[in-house]
Amino acid sequence: MQAHLDEFRVTSMCRVLGVQRSGFYAWQRRPHSERHREDQRLLGLIKQAWLESGAVYGYRKVTEDLRDLGEACGKHRVARLMKGEGLRAQVGYGRKPRPRGGRAAAVAPNHLDRQFDVAAPNTHWVTDITYIRTHEGWLYLAVVLDLYSRQVVGWAMQGQMHADLVLQALLAAVWRRKPAPGLMLHSDQGSQFTGNEWQAFLKAHGIVCSMSRRGNCHDNAVAESFFQLLKRERIRRRIYLTRDNARSDVFDYIEMFYNPKRRHGSNGGDLSGRVRTAIGTIWLVGVYKTRGDSSRPTSAMRDASYKHIHHNIWLCGDQINPPLSPDNAVPPWTDTRQ
């Protein structure tokens, strides 16, 4: 009745429902229960956690955030409150199904063989490329992910999809993590990964090459899953006028949200393995050392971004070797300005 007061008279509703008007008015004057007041308090925390996630978390991850704050509440209660308030997770964006499969190729063996759960960091990485639409044209993003932590350990962006793009992303990851020889790096059979430059880099650093079967995206499911999250939670919700706008937004998503804050179902949403580390590698290699892309950030944008890198980036702390600090993370392009 309370919800329909603007549509119907109280007298009419009481007659149809067979209740007394005095009972309805007494119910209106009755103070809220303790349970209702607690629900309203929790709802405020739920809204804050949902907004801090960029309006992408569902009730499960919001529940984990609340428990990190010391709140004792069940996931079904959180789901009920979110549903009543119209808060929901960001779900898929309706990609059209594409054919997959095909005759197996032998560019490199599939050493990984879909074994995505690994026991130690910096032993198994995966890499891939995706497209980002802007009004200036396509922007291409290459990433390298560590299967142990699901963190982005290296990434690069360019306006052209050449072999140099993936080499910059891998160079950033190698510089950042200093992996031991024997690291396995899995990719698809794109021309950027089958070329001589890529293979020579892997051989020089003692990296074992593993490749998906031709046309089988499931062999590289972790990289595909990351791109799905990036596009679902950020890119498909934006319109980028320039490549610089896209670069800045992707930087914000990876280094300010995905790496330091976003919960991953693969490790049960555990955030305890993150440490605060200052590093400028990814922004350096991914943006300022690009070749063949004339659209570069302005000096003010570069300074502001590097300030964020040195003070606000949180990276996965699983055996970063050597430990990085602002002293050894100064990029080579830095001039003499203080």
C-alpha atoms as a PDB file:
ATOM      1  CA  MET A   1       0.000   0.000   0.000  1.00  0.00           C
ATOM      2  CA  GLN A   2       2.825   2.366   0.857  1.00  0.00           C
ATOM      3  CA  ALA A   3       4.302   1.938  -2.608  1.00  0.00           C
ATOM      4  CA  HIS A   4       0.995   2.756  -4.338  1.00  0.00           C
ATOM      5  CA  LEU A   5      -0.107   5.794  -2.333  1.00  0.00           C
ATOM      6  CA  ASP A   6       0.443   8.027  -5.377  1.00  0.00           C
ATOM      7  CA  GLU A   7      -1.864   5.875  -7.510  1.00  0.00           C
ATOM      8  CA  PHE A   8      -4.791   4.889  -5.265  1.00  0.00           C
ATOM      9  CA  ARG A   9      -6.673   6.215  -2.268  1.00  0.00           C
ATOM     10  CA  VAL A  10      -6.023   4.583   1.103  1.00  0.00           C
ATOM     11  CA  THR A  11      -9.735   3.886   1.509  1.00  0.00           C
ATOM     12  CA  SER A  12      -9.925   2.042  -1.814  1.00  0.00           C
ATOM     13  CA  MET A  13      -6.845  -0.066  -1.109  1.00  0.00           C
ATOM     14  CA  CYS A  14      -8.059  -0.976   2.383  1.00  0.00           C
ATOM     15  CA  ARG A  15     -11.426  -2.054   0.990  1.00  0.00           C
ATOM     16  CA  VAL A  16      -9.835  -4.214  -1.726  1.00  0.00           C
ATOM     17  CA  LEU A  17      -7.272  -5.792   0.614  1.00  0.00           C
ATOM     18  CA  GLY A  18      -9.704  -6.185   3.518  1.00  0.00           C
ATOM     19  CA  VAL A  19      -7.718  -4.229   6.117  1.00  0.00           C
ATOM     20  CA  GLN A  20      -8.590  -1.371   8.425  1.00  0.00           C
ATOM     21  CA  ARG A  21      -7.388   2.146   7.748  1.00  0.00           C
ATOM     22  CA  SER A  22      -6.437   2.561  11.393  1.00  0.00           C
ATOM     23  CA  GLY A  23      -4.153  -0.454  11.117  1.00  0.00           C
ATOM     24  CA  PHE A  24      -2.393   1.038   8.087  1.00  0.00           C
ATOM     25  CA  TYR A  25      -1.904   4.407   9.810  1.00  0.00           C
ATOM     26  CA  ALA A  26      -0.618   2.683  12.947  1.00  0.00           C
ATOM     27  CA  TRP A  27       1.886   0.757  10.825  1.00  0.00           C
ATOM     28  CA  GLN A  28       3.082   4.031   9.258  1.00  0.00           C
ATOM     29  CA  ARG A  29       3.721   5.574  12.686  1.00  0.00           C
ATOM     30  CA  ARG A  30       5.565   2.514  13.980  1.00  0.00           C
ATOM     31  CA  PRO A  31       9.360   3.025  14.220  1.00  0.00           C
ATOM     32  CA  HIS A  32      11.633   0.979  11.981  1.00  0.00           C
ATOM     33  CA  SER A  33      12.900  -2.310  13.330  1.00  0.00           C
ATOM     34  CA  GLU A  34      16.502  -2.912  14.310  1.00  0.00           C
ATOM     35  CA  ARG A  35      16.875  -5.192  11.286  1.00  0.00           C
ATOM     36  CA  HIS A  36      15.678  -2.448   8.930  1.00  0.00           C
ATOM     37  CA  ARG A  37      18.077   0.093  10.414  1.00  0.00           C
ATOM     38  CA  GLU A  38      20.958  -2.375  10.066  1.00  0.00           C
ATOM     39  CA  ASP A  39      19.968  -3.018   6.433  1.00  0.00           C
ATOM     40  CA  GLN A  40      20.113   0.698   5.700  1.00  0.00           C
ATOM     41  CA  ARG A  41      23.570   0.962   7.269  1.00  0.00           C
ATOM     42  CA  LEU A  42      24.802  -1.995   5.243  1.00  0.00           C
ATOM     43  CA  LEU A  43      23.254  -0.564   2.095  1.00  0.00           C
ATOM     44  CA  GLY A  44      25.430   2.513   2.439  1.00  0.00           C
ATOM     45  CA  LEU A  45      28.568   0.358   2.626  1.00  0.00           C
ATOM     46  CA  ILE A  46      27.344  -1.746  -0.296  1.00  0.00           C
ATOM     47  CA  LYS A  47      26.834   1.334  -2.472  1.00  0.00           C
ATOM     48  CA  GLN A  48      30.311   2.599  -1.604  1.00  0.00           C
ATOM     49  CA  ALA A  49      31.962  -0.747  -2.455  1.00  0.00           C
ATOM     50  CA  TRP A  50      29.965  -1.032  -5.690  1.00  0.00           C
ATOM     51  CA  LEU A  51      30.874   2.499  -6.798  1.00  0.00           C
ATOM     52  CA  GLU A  52      34.550   2.033  -5.912  1.00  0.00           C
ATOM     53  CA  SER A  53      34.607  -0.984  -8.231  1.00  0.00           C
ATOM     54  CA  GLY A  54      33.457   1.225 -11.085  1.00  0.00           C
ATOM     55  CA  ALA A  55      29.899  -0.164 -10.829  1.00  0.00           C
ATOM     56  CA  VAL A  56      31.042  -3.609 -12.025  1.00  0.00           C
ATOM     57  CA  TYR A  57      31.035  -5.814  -8.895  1.00  0.00           C
ATOM     58  CA  GLY A  58      28.209  -8.233  -8.173  1.00  0.00           C
ATOM     59  CA  TYR A  59      26.992  -9.342  -4.756  1.00  0.00           C
ATOM     60  CA  ARG A  60      29.741 -11.941  -4.246  1.00  0.00           C
ATOM     61  CA  LYS A  61      32.668  -9.543  -4.588  1.00  0.00           C
ATOM     62  CA  VAL A  62      30.806  -6.807  -2.688  1.00  0.00           C
ATOM     63  CA  THR A  63      30.302  -9.310   0.139  1.00  0.00           C
ATOM     64  CA  GLU A  64      34.042  -9.991   0.207  1.00  0.00           C
ATOM     65  CA  ASP A  65      34.731  -6.245   0.392  1.00  0.00           C
ATOM     66  CA  LEU A  66      32.327  -5.921   3.325  1.00  0.00           C
ATOM     67  CA  ARG A  67      33.957  -8.821   5.153  1.00  0.00           C
ATOM     68  CA  ASP A  68      37.343  -7.153   4.679  1.00  0.00           C
ATOM     69  CA  LEU A  69      35.828  -4.193   6.531  1.00  0.00           C
ATOM     70  CA  GLY A  70      34.807  -6.475   9.408  1.00  0.00           C
ATOM     71  CA  GLU A  71      31.129  -6.734   8.553  1.00  0.00           C
ATOM     72  CA  ALA A  72      29.400 -10.041   9.340  1.00  0.00           C
ATOM     73  CA  CYS A  73      26.800 -10.430   6.614  1.00  0.00           C
ATOM     74  CA  GLY A  74      25.790 -13.195   4.242  1.00  0.00           C
ATOM     75  CA  LYS A  75      25.964 -13.006   0.476  1.00  0.00           C
ATOM     76  CA  HIS A  76      22.221 -13.580   0.139  1.00  0.00           C
ATOM     77  CA  ARG A  77      21.475 -10.570   2.320  1.00  0.00           C
ATOM     78  CA  VAL A  78      23.821  -8.445   0.193  1.00  0.00           C
ATOM     79  CA  ALA A  79      22.135  -9.790  -2.948  1.00  0.00           C
ATOM     80  CA  ARG A  80      18.695  -8.854  -1.580  1.00  0.00           C
ATOM     81  CA  LEU A  81      19.754  -5.321  -0.681  1.00  0.00           C
ATOM     82  CA  MET A  82      21.491  -4.782  -4.028  1.00  0.00           C
ATOM     83  CA  LYS A  83      18.471  -6.059  -5.943  1.00  0.00           C
ATOM     84  CA  GLY A  84      16.150  -3.760  -4.021  1.00  0.00           C
ATOM     85  CA  GLU A  85      18.366  -0.780  -4.793  1.00  0.00           C
ATOM     86  CA  GLY A  86      18.869  -1.690  -8.456  1.00  0.00           C
ATOM     87  CA  LEU A  87      22.609  -2.375  -8.102  1.00  0.00           C
ATOM     88  CA  ARG A  88      23.877  -5.154 -10.336  1.00  0.00           C
ATOM     89  CA  ALA A  89      27.095  -6.517 -11.786  1.00  0.00           C
ATOM     90  CA  GLN A  90      28.324  -5.479 -15.208  1.00  0.00           C
ATOM     91  CA  VAL A  91      27.663  -8.512 -17.378  1.00  0.00           C
ATOM     92  CA  GLY A  92      28.713  -9.455 -20.901  1.00  0.00           C
ATOM     93  CA  TYR A  93      28.324  -7.169 -23.868  1.00  0.00           C
ATOM     94  CA  GLY A  94      26.896  -9.669 -26.368  1.00  0.00           C
ATOM     95  CA  ARG A  95      29.692 -10.677 -28.678  1.00  0.00           C
ATOM     96  CA  LYS A  96      28.636 -12.673 -31.701  1.00  0.00           C
ATOM     97  CA  PRO A  97      29.807 -16.296 -31.719  1.00  0.00           C
ATOM     98  CA  ARG A  98      32.599 -17.071 -34.141  1.00  0.00           C
ATOM     99  CA  PRO A  99      33.714 -20.404 -35.559  1.00  0.00           C
ATOM    100  CA  ARG A 100      36.685 -21.992 -33.852  1.00  0.00           C
ATOM    101  CA  GLY A 101      38.833 -25.064 -34.257  1.00  0.00           C
ATOM    102  CA  GLY A 102      40.594 -26.065 -37.418  1.00  0.00           C
ATOM    103  CA  ARG A 103      43.530 -28.201 -38.420  1.00  0.00           C
ATOM    104  CA  ALA A 104      46.354 -28.076 -35.904  1.00  0.00           C
ATOM    105  CA  ALA A 105      49.486 -26.186 -36.876  1.00  0.00           C
ATOM    106  CA  ALA A 106      53.001 -26.828 -35.623  1.00  0.00           C
ATOM    107  CA  VAL A 107      54.496 -23.330 -35.222  1.00  0.00           C
ATOM    108  CA  ALA A 108      55.342 -24.167 -31.589  1.00  0.00           C
ATOM    109  CA  PRO A 109      53.990 -26.915 -29.325  1.00  0.00           C
ATOM    110  CA  ASN A 110      51.208 -26.165 -26.871  1.00  0.00           C
ATOM    111  CA  HIS A 111      53.371 -26.770 -23.809  1.00  0.00           C
ATOM    112  CA  LEU A 112      50.927 -24.981 -21.505  1.00  0.00           C
ATOM    113  CA  ASP A 113      48.053 -27.283 -22.514  1.00  0.00           C
ATOM    114  CA  ARG A 114      45.464 -25.221 -20.592  1.00  0.00           C
ATOM    115  CA  GLN A 115      47.215 -25.785 -17.239  1.00  0.00           C
ATOM    116  CA  PHE A 116      46.351 -22.320 -15.933  1.00  0.00           C
ATOM    117  CA  ASP A 117      46.841 -23.075 -12.215  1.00  0.00           C
ATOM    118  CA  VAL A 118      50.544 -22.787 -11.419  1.00  0.00           C
ATOM    119  CA  ALA A 119      52.408 -23.110  -8.131  1.00  0.00           C
ATOM    120  CA  ALA A 120      54.855 -20.189  -8.298  1.00  0.00           C
ATOM    121  CA  PRO A 121      55.117 -16.702  -9.809  1.00  0.00           C
ATOM    122  CA  ASN A 122      57.197 -15.867 -12.874  1.00  0.00           C
ATOM    123  CA  THR A 123      57.142 -19.417 -14.215  1.00  0.00           C
ATOM    124  CA  HIS A 124      54.219 -19.218 -16.651  1.00  0.00           C
ATOM    125  CA  TRP A 125      53.075 -16.097 -18.517  1.00  0.00           C
ATOM    126  CA  VAL A 126      50.488 -15.566 -21.241  1.00  0.00           C
ATOM    127  CA  THR A 127      50.257 -12.740 -23.783  1.00  0.00           C
ATOM    128  CA  ASP A 128      47.853 -11.454 -26.417  1.00  0.00           C
ATOM    129  CA  ILE A 129      46.719  -8.354 -28.350  1.00  0.00           C
ATOM    130  CA  THR A 130      43.366  -6.577 -28.483  1.00  0.00           C
ATOM    131  CA  TYR A 131      41.841  -3.610 -30.325  1.00  0.00           C
ATOM    132  CA  ILE A 132      40.439  -0.387 -28.826  1.00  0.00           C
ATOM    133  CA  ARG A 133      38.271   1.881 -30.984  1.00  0.00           C
ATOM    134  CA  THR A 134      38.810   5.649 -30.878  1.00  0.00           C
ATOM    135  CA  HIS A 135      37.710   8.511 -33.130  1.00  0.00           C
ATOM    136  CA  GLU A 136      41.330   8.816 -34.290  1.00  0.00           C
ATOM    137  CA  GLY A 137      41.422   5.171 -35.328  1.00  0.00           C
ATOM    138  CA  TRP A 138      42.321   1.858 -33.733  1.00  0.00           C
ATOM    139  CA  LEU A 139      44.603   1.634 -30.710  1.00  0.00           C
ATOM    140  CA  TYR A 140      46.253  -1.743 -30.114  1.00  0.00           C
ATOM    141  CA  LEU A 141      46.989  -3.087 -26.627  1.00  0.00           C
ATOM    142  CA  ALA A 142      49.376  -5.951 -25.887  1.00  0.00           C
ATOM    143  CA  VAL A 143      49.545  -7.445 -22.387  1.00  0.00           C
ATOM    144  CA  VAL A 144      51.595 -10.050 -20.542  1.00  0.00           C
ATOM    145  CA  LEU A 145      49.930 -11.734 -17.544  1.00  0.00           C
ATOM    146  CA  ASP A 146      51.404 -13.917 -14.804  1.00  0.00           C
ATOM    147  CA  LEU A 147      49.267 -17.049 -14.391  1.00  0.00           C
ATOM    148  CA  TYR A 148      50.139 -17.303 -10.696  1.00  0.00           C
ATOM    149  CA  SER A 149      48.723 -13.941  -9.636  1.00  0.00           C
ATOM    150  CA  ARG A 150      46.693 -13.018 -12.755  1.00  0.00           C
ATOM    151  CA  GLN A 151      48.446  -9.647 -12.633  1.00  0.00           C
ATOM    152  CA  VAL A 152      49.383  -7.649 -15.728  1.00  0.00           C
ATOM    153  CA  VAL A 153      53.184  -7.685 -15.529  1.00  0.00           C
ATOM    154  CA  GLY A 154      53.755  -5.866 -18.809  1.00  0.00           C
ATOM    155  CA  TRP A 155      51.718  -3.987 -21.386  1.00  0.00           C
ATOM    156  CA  ALA A 156      52.171  -1.621 -24.310  1.00  0.00           C
ATOM    157  CA  MET A 157      49.963   0.398 -26.671  1.00  0.00           C
ATOM    158  CA  GLN A 158      50.502   1.649 -30.218  1.00  0.00           C
ATOM    159  CA  GLY A 159      48.517   2.943 -33.145  1.00  0.00           C
ATOM    160  CA  GLN A 160      49.848   0.124 -35.338  1.00  0.00           C
ATOM    161  CA  MET A 161      49.945  -3.616 -34.719  1.00  0.00           C
ATOM    162  CA  HIS A 162      53.546  -4.490 -35.476  1.00  0.00           C
ATOM    163  CA  ALA A 163      55.891  -6.986 -33.823  1.00  0.00           C
ATOM    164  CA  ASP A 164      57.390  -4.062 -31.913  1.00  0.00           C
ATOM    165  CA  LEU A 165      54.144  -3.767 -29.932  1.00  0.00           C
ATOM    166  CA  VAL A 166      54.365  -7.210 -28.324  1.00  0.00           C
ATOM    167  CA  LEU A 167      58.129  -6.897 -27.862  1.00  0.00           C
ATOM    168  CA  GLN A 168      57.642  -3.712 -25.841  1.00  0.00           C
ATOM    169  CA  ALA A 169      55.074  -5.398 -23.604  1.00  0.00           C
ATOM    170  CA  LEU A 170      57.362  -8.393 -23.042  1.00  0.00           C
ATOM    171  CA  LEU A 171      60.392  -6.164 -22.481  1.00  0.00           C
ATOM    172  CA  ALA A 172      58.459  -4.311 -19.772  1.00  0.00           C
ATOM    173  CA  ALA A 173      57.502  -7.600 -18.104  1.00  0.00           C
ATOM    174  CA  VAL A 174      61.072  -8.941 -18.212  1.00  0.00           C
ATOM    175  CA  TRP A 175      62.478  -5.670 -16.858  1.00  0.00           C
ATOM    176  CA  ARG A 176      59.934  -5.636 -14.070  1.00  0.00           C
ATOM    177  CA  ARG A 177      60.072  -9.271 -12.931  1.00  0.00           C
ATOM    178  CA  LYS A 178      63.567 -10.476 -13.975  1.00  0.00           C
ATOM    179  CA  PRO A 179      62.363 -14.073 -14.530  1.00  0.00           C
ATOM    180  CA  ALA A 180      64.769 -16.989 -14.358  1.00  0.00           C
ATOM    181  CA  PRO A 181      65.549 -18.981 -17.526  1.00  0.00           C
ATOM    182  CA  GLY A 182      62.923 -21.594 -18.262  1.00  0.00           C
ATOM    183  CA  LEU A 183      59.922 -19.270 -18.004  1.00  0.00           C
ATOM    184  CA  MET A 184      57.088 -20.485 -20.268  1.00  0.00           C
ATOM    185  CA  LEU A 185      55.354 -17.800 -22.347  1.00  0.00           C
ATOM    186  CA  HIS A 186      52.116 -18.775 -24.093  1.00  0.00           C
ATOM    187  CA  SER A 187      50.578 -16.903 -27.037  1.00  0.00           C
ATOM    188  CA  ASP A 188      48.445 -17.500 -30.084  1.00  0.00           C
ATOM    189  CA  GLN A 189      49.823 -18.013 -33.589  1.00  0.00           C
ATOM    190  CA  GLY A 190      49.589 -14.391 -34.680  1.00  0.00           C
ATOM    191  CA  SER A 191      52.241 -13.078 -37.020  1.00  0.00           C
ATOM    192  CA  GLN A 192      53.681 -10.899 -34.260  1.00  0.00           C
ATOM    193  CA  PHE A 193      54.479 -14.032 -32.215  1.00  0.00           C
ATOM    194  CA  THR A 194      55.764 -16.230 -35.032  1.00  0.00           C
ATOM    195  CA  GLY A 195      58.198 -13.658 -36.450  1.00  0.00           C
ATOM    196  CA  ASN A 196      61.964 -13.821 -36.134  1.00  0.00           C
ATOM    197  CA  GLU A 197      62.223 -10.834 -33.765  1.00  0.00           C
ATOM    198  CA  TRP A 198      59.896 -12.396 -31.195  1.00  0.00           C
ATOM    199  CA  GLN A 199      61.512 -15.812 -31.384  1.00  0.00           C
ATOM    200  CA  ALA A 200      65.002 -14.314 -31.131  1.00  0.00           C
ATOM    201  CA  PHE A 201      64.005 -12.357 -28.000  1.00  0.00           C
ATOM    202  CA  LEU A 202      62.616 -15.497 -26.358  1.00  0.00           C
ATOM    203  CA  LYS A 203      65.758 -17.461 -27.167  1.00  0.00           C
ATOM    204  CA  ALA A 204      68.059 -14.713 -25.874  1.00  0.00           C
ATOM    205  CA  HIS A 205      66.258 -14.635 -22.511  1.00  0.00           C
ATOM    206  CA  GLY A 206      65.822 -18.390 -22.094  1.00  0.00           C
ATOM    207  CA  ILE A 207      62.024 -18.238 -22.434  1.00  0.00           C
ATOM    208  CA  VAL A 208      60.151 -21.351 -23.560  1.00  0.00           C
ATOM    209  CA  CYS A 209      57.666 -20.622 -26.346  1.00  0.00           C
ATOM    210  CA  SER A 210      54.193 -22.160 -26.169  1.00  0.00           C
ATOM    211  CA  MET A 211      51.399 -21.482 -28.671  1.00  0.00           C
ATOM    212  CA  SER A 212      47.691 -22.153 -28.926  1.00  0.00           C
ATOM    213  CA  ARG A 213      46.291 -24.362 -31.615  1.00  0.00           C
ATOM    214  CA  ARG A 214      45.209 -22.430 -34.675  1.00  0.00           C
ATOM    215  CA  GLY A 215      41.848 -20.725 -34.181  1.00  0.00           C
ATOM    216  CA  ASN A 216      41.409 -22.046 -30.638  1.00  0.00           C
ATOM    217  CA  CYS A 217      41.020 -19.107 -28.263  1.00  0.00           C
ATOM    218  CA  HIS A 218      40.346 -21.417 -25.290  1.00  0.00           C
ATOM    219  CA  ASP A 219      44.028 -22.400 -25.206  1.00  0.00           C
ATOM    220  CA  ASN A 220      44.750 -18.795 -24.155  1.00  0.00           C
ATOM    221  CA  ALA A 221      41.675 -18.345 -21.990  1.00  0.00           C
ATOM    222  CA  VAL A 222      43.346 -16.273 -19.250  1.00  0.00           C
ATOM    223  CA  ALA A 223      44.413 -13.519 -21.649  1.00  0.00           C
ATOM    224  CA  GLU A 224      41.015 -13.600 -23.353  1.00  0.00           C
ATOM    225  CA  SER A 225      39.339 -13.362 -19.946  1.00  0.00           C
ATOM    226  CA  PHE A 226      41.353 -10.262 -19.066  1.00  0.00           C
ATOM    227  CA  PHE A 227      40.396  -8.543 -22.327  1.00  0.00           C
ATOM    228  CA  GLN A 228      36.763  -9.459 -21.706  1.00  0.00           C
ATOM    229  CA  LEU A 229      36.940  -7.811 -18.270  1.00  0.00           C
ATOM    230  CA  LEU A 230      38.710  -4.724 -19.613  1.00  0.00           C
ATOM    231  CA  LYS A 231      36.149  -4.184 -22.351  1.00  0.00           C
ATOM    232  CA  ARG A 232      33.131  -5.080 -20.243  1.00  0.00           C
ATOM    233  CA  GLU A 233      34.083  -3.028 -17.195  1.00  0.00           C
ATOM    234  CA  ARG A 234      35.710  -0.039 -18.858  1.00  0.00           C
ATOM    235  CA  ILE A 235      36.093   0.281 -22.642  1.00  0.00           C
ATOM    236  CA  ARG A 236      32.512  -0.494 -23.674  1.00  0.00           C
ATOM    237  CA  ARG A 237      31.327   2.127 -21.206  1.00  0.00           C
ATOM    238  CA  ARG A 238      33.417   4.918 -22.716  1.00  0.00           C
ATOM    239  CA  ILE A 239      33.745   6.841 -25.980  1.00  0.00           C
ATOM    240  CA  TYR A 240      37.347   7.811 -26.738  1.00  0.00           C
ATOM    241  CA  LEU A 241      37.880  10.861 -28.905  1.00  0.00           C
ATOM    242  CA  THR A 242      41.650  10.394 -29.116  1.00  0.00           C
ATOM    243  CA  ARG A 243      44.177   7.615 -28.607  1.00  0.00           C
ATOM    244  CA  ASP A 244      45.610   9.575 -25.680  1.00  0.00           C
ATOM    245  CA  ASN A 245      42.231   9.431 -23.944  1.00  0.00           C
ATOM    246  CA  ALA A 246      42.148   5.667 -24.420  1.00  0.00           C
ATOM    247  CA  ARG A 247      45.747   5.287 -23.191  1.00  0.00           C
ATOM    248  CA  SER A 248      45.006   7.249 -20.043  1.00  0.00           C
ATOM    249  CA  ASP A 249      41.853   5.262 -19.299  1.00  0.00           C
ATOM    250  CA  VAL A 250      43.510   1.885 -19.894  1.00  0.00           C
ATOM    251  CA  PHE A 251      46.399   2.959 -17.652  1.00  0.00           C
ATOM    252  CA  ASP A 252      43.899   3.896 -14.946  1.00  0.00           C
ATOM    253  CA  TYR A 253      42.082   0.568 -15.235  1.00  0.00           C
ATOM    254  CA  ILE A 254      45.189  -1.645 -15.170  1.00  0.00           C
ATOM    255  CA  GLU A 255      47.444   0.166 -12.719  1.00  0.00           C
ATOM    256  CA  MET A 256      44.872   1.832 -10.454  1.00  0.00           C
ATOM    257  CA  PHE A 257      42.150  -0.837 -10.331  1.00  0.00           C
ATOM    258  CA  TYR A 258      42.868  -4.230 -11.904  1.00  0.00           C
ATOM    259  CA  ASN A 259      46.367  -4.858 -10.551  1.00  0.00           C
ATOM    260  CA  PRO A 260      45.977  -3.389  -7.050  1.00  0.00           C
ATOM    261  CA  LYS A 261      42.293  -3.772  -6.210  1.00  0.00           C
ATOM    262  CA  ARG A 262      40.289  -6.101  -8.405  1.00  0.00           C
ATOM    263  CA  ARG A 263      39.444  -9.461  -6.890  1.00  0.00           C
ATOM    264  CA  HIS A 264      40.087 -12.580  -8.963  1.00  0.00           C
ATOM    265  CA  GLY A 265      37.993 -15.687  -8.707  1.00  0.00           C
ATOM    266  CA  SER A 266      41.030 -17.845  -9.509  1.00  0.00           C
ATOM    267  CA  ASN A 267      42.533 -17.144  -6.071  1.00  0.00           C
ATOM    268  CA  GLY A 268      39.306 -16.785  -4.119  1.00  0.00           C
ATOM    269  CA  GLY A 269      39.388 -12.993  -4.162  1.00  0.00           C
ATOM    270  CA  ASP A 270      42.498 -12.870  -1.950  1.00  0.00           C
ATOM    271  CA  LEU A 271      44.226  -9.459  -1.918  1.00  0.00           C
ATOM    272  CA  SER A 272      46.889 -10.282   0.678  1.00  0.00           C
ATOM    273  CA  GLY A 273      49.666 -10.781  -1.895  1.00  0.00           C
ATOM    274  CA  ARG A 274      49.816  -7.156  -3.003  1.00  0.00           C
ATOM    275  CA  VAL A 275      52.560  -4.772  -1.869  1.00  0.00           C
ATOM    276  CA  ARG A 276      53.107  -1.138  -2.654  1.00  0.00           C
ATOM    277  CA  THR A 277      55.903  -0.644  -5.161  1.00  0.00           C
ATOM    278  CA  ALA A 278      56.956   2.374  -7.220  1.00  0.00           C
ATOM    279  CA  ILE A 279      57.636   1.596 -10.850  1.00  0.00           C
ATOM    280  CA  GLY A 280      57.431   3.444 -14.133  1.00  0.00           C
ATOM    281  CA  THR A 281      58.197   0.588 -16.515  1.00  0.00           C
ATOM    282  CA  ILE A 282      54.852  -0.005 -18.140  1.00  0.00           C
ATOM    283  CA  TRP A 283      54.041   3.616 -18.839  1.00  0.00           C
ATOM    284  CA  LEU A 284      57.592   4.095 -20.106  1.00  0.00           C
ATOM    285  CA  VAL A 285      57.667   1.157 -22.500  1.00  0.00           C
ATOM    286  CA  GLY A 286      53.988   1.203 -23.425  1.00  0.00           C
ATOM    287  CA  VAL A 287      53.643   4.868 -24.306  1.00  0.00           C
ATOM    288  CA  TYR A 288      56.802   6.966 -24.335  1.00  0.00           C
ATOM    289  CA  LYS A 289      59.027   4.524 -26.215  1.00  0.00           C
ATOM    290  CA  THR A 290      56.586   3.747 -29.011  1.00  0.00           C
ATOM    291  CA  ARG A 291      57.804   3.768 -32.586  1.00  0.00           C
ATOM    292  CA  GLY A 292      55.648   4.666 -35.542  1.00  0.00           C
ATOM    293  CA  ASP A 293      52.981   6.388 -33.421  1.00  0.00           C
ATOM    294  CA  SER A 294      53.143  10.164 -33.506  1.00  0.00           C
ATOM    295  CA  SER A 295      50.320  10.721 -30.992  1.00  0.00           C
ATOM    296  CA  ARG A 296      52.144  11.005 -27.669  1.00  0.00           C
ATOM    297  CA  PRO A 297      50.928  12.417 -24.333  1.00  0.00           C
ATOM    298  CA  THR A 298      51.659  16.009 -23.448  1.00  0.00           C
ATOM    299  CA  SER A 299      54.378  16.916 -20.949  1.00  0.00           C
ATOM    300  CA  ALA A 300      51.784  17.765 -18.303  1.00  0.00           C
ATOM    301  CA  MET A 301      50.040  14.433 -18.817  1.00  0.00           C
ATOM    302  CA  ARG A 302      53.377  12.575 -18.665  1.00  0.00           C
ATOM    303  CA  ASP A 303      54.395  14.302 -15.418  1.00  0.00           C
ATOM    304  CA  ALA A 304      51.021  13.685 -13.788  1.00  0.00           C
ATOM    305  CA  SER A 305      50.993  10.042 -14.833  1.00  0.00           C
ATOM    306  CA  TYR A 306      54.534   9.424 -13.624  1.00  0.00           C
ATOM    307  CA  LYS A 307      53.663  11.018 -10.306  1.00  0.00           C
ATOM    308  CA  HIS A 308      50.797   8.543  -9.989  1.00  0.00           C
ATOM    309  CA  ILE A 309      53.156   5.702 -10.880  1.00  0.00           C
ATOM    310  CA  HIS A 310      55.654   6.602  -8.165  1.00  0.00           C
ATOM    311  CA  HIS A 311      53.104   7.127  -5.409  1.00  0.00           C
ATOM    312  CA  ASN A 312      49.886   5.254  -6.093  1.00  0.00           C
ATOM    313  CA  ILE A 313      50.522   2.066  -8.048  1.00  0.00           C
ATOM    314  CA  TRP A 314      50.078  -1.205  -6.209  1.00  0.00           C
ATOM    315  CA  LEU A 315      51.610  -4.280  -7.830  1.00  0.00           C
ATOM    316  CA  CYS A 316      51.543  -7.937  -6.944  1.00  0.00           C
ATOM    317  CA  GLY A 317      54.354  -8.601  -4.497  1.00  0.00           C
ATOM    318  CA  ASP A 318      55.107 -12.208  -5.348  1.00  0.00           C
ATOM    319  CA  GLN A 319      58.892 -12.268  -5.558  1.00  0.00           C
ATOM    320  CA  ILE A 320      59.547  -9.093  -7.511  1.00  0.00           C
ATOM    321  CA  ASN A 321      63.254  -9.448  -8.306  1.00  0.00           C
ATOM    322  CA  PRO A 322      64.934  -7.228  -7.489  1.00  0.00           C
ATOM    323  CA  PRO A 323      62.633  -5.182  -5.199  1.00  0.00           C
ATOM    324  CA  LEU A 324      61.939  -1.941  -6.995  1.00  0.00           C
ATOM    325  CA  SER A 325      61.994   1.523  -5.505  1.00  0.00           C
ATOM    326  CA  PRO A 326      61.710   5.053  -6.864  1.00  0.00           C
ATOM    327  CA  ASP A 327      65.533   5.129  -6.966  1.00  0.00           C
ATOM    328  CA  ASN A 328      65.912   2.298  -9.484  1.00  0.00           C
ATOM    329  CA  ALA A 329      62.659   2.878 -11.340  1.00  0.00           C
ATOM    330  CA  VAL A 330      63.607   6.251 -12.865  1.00  0.00           C
ATOM    331  CA  PRO A 331      62.986   5.952 -16.611  1.00  0.00           C
ATOM    332  CA  PRO A 332      65.814   6.714 -19.024  1.00  0.00           C
ATOM    333  CA  TRP A 333      63.839   9.385 -20.834  1.00  0.00           C
ATOM    334  CA  THR A 334      63.607  11.527 -17.692  1.00  0.00           C
ATOM    335  CA  ASP A 335      65.196  14.935 -18.138  1.00  0.00           C
ATOM    336  CA  THR A 336      66.907  17.014 -15.458  1.00  0.00           C
ATOM    337  CA  ARG A 337      63.747  18.600 -14.092  1.00  0.00           C
ATOM    338  CA  GLN A 338      63.187  18.099 -10.344  1.00  0.00           C
END
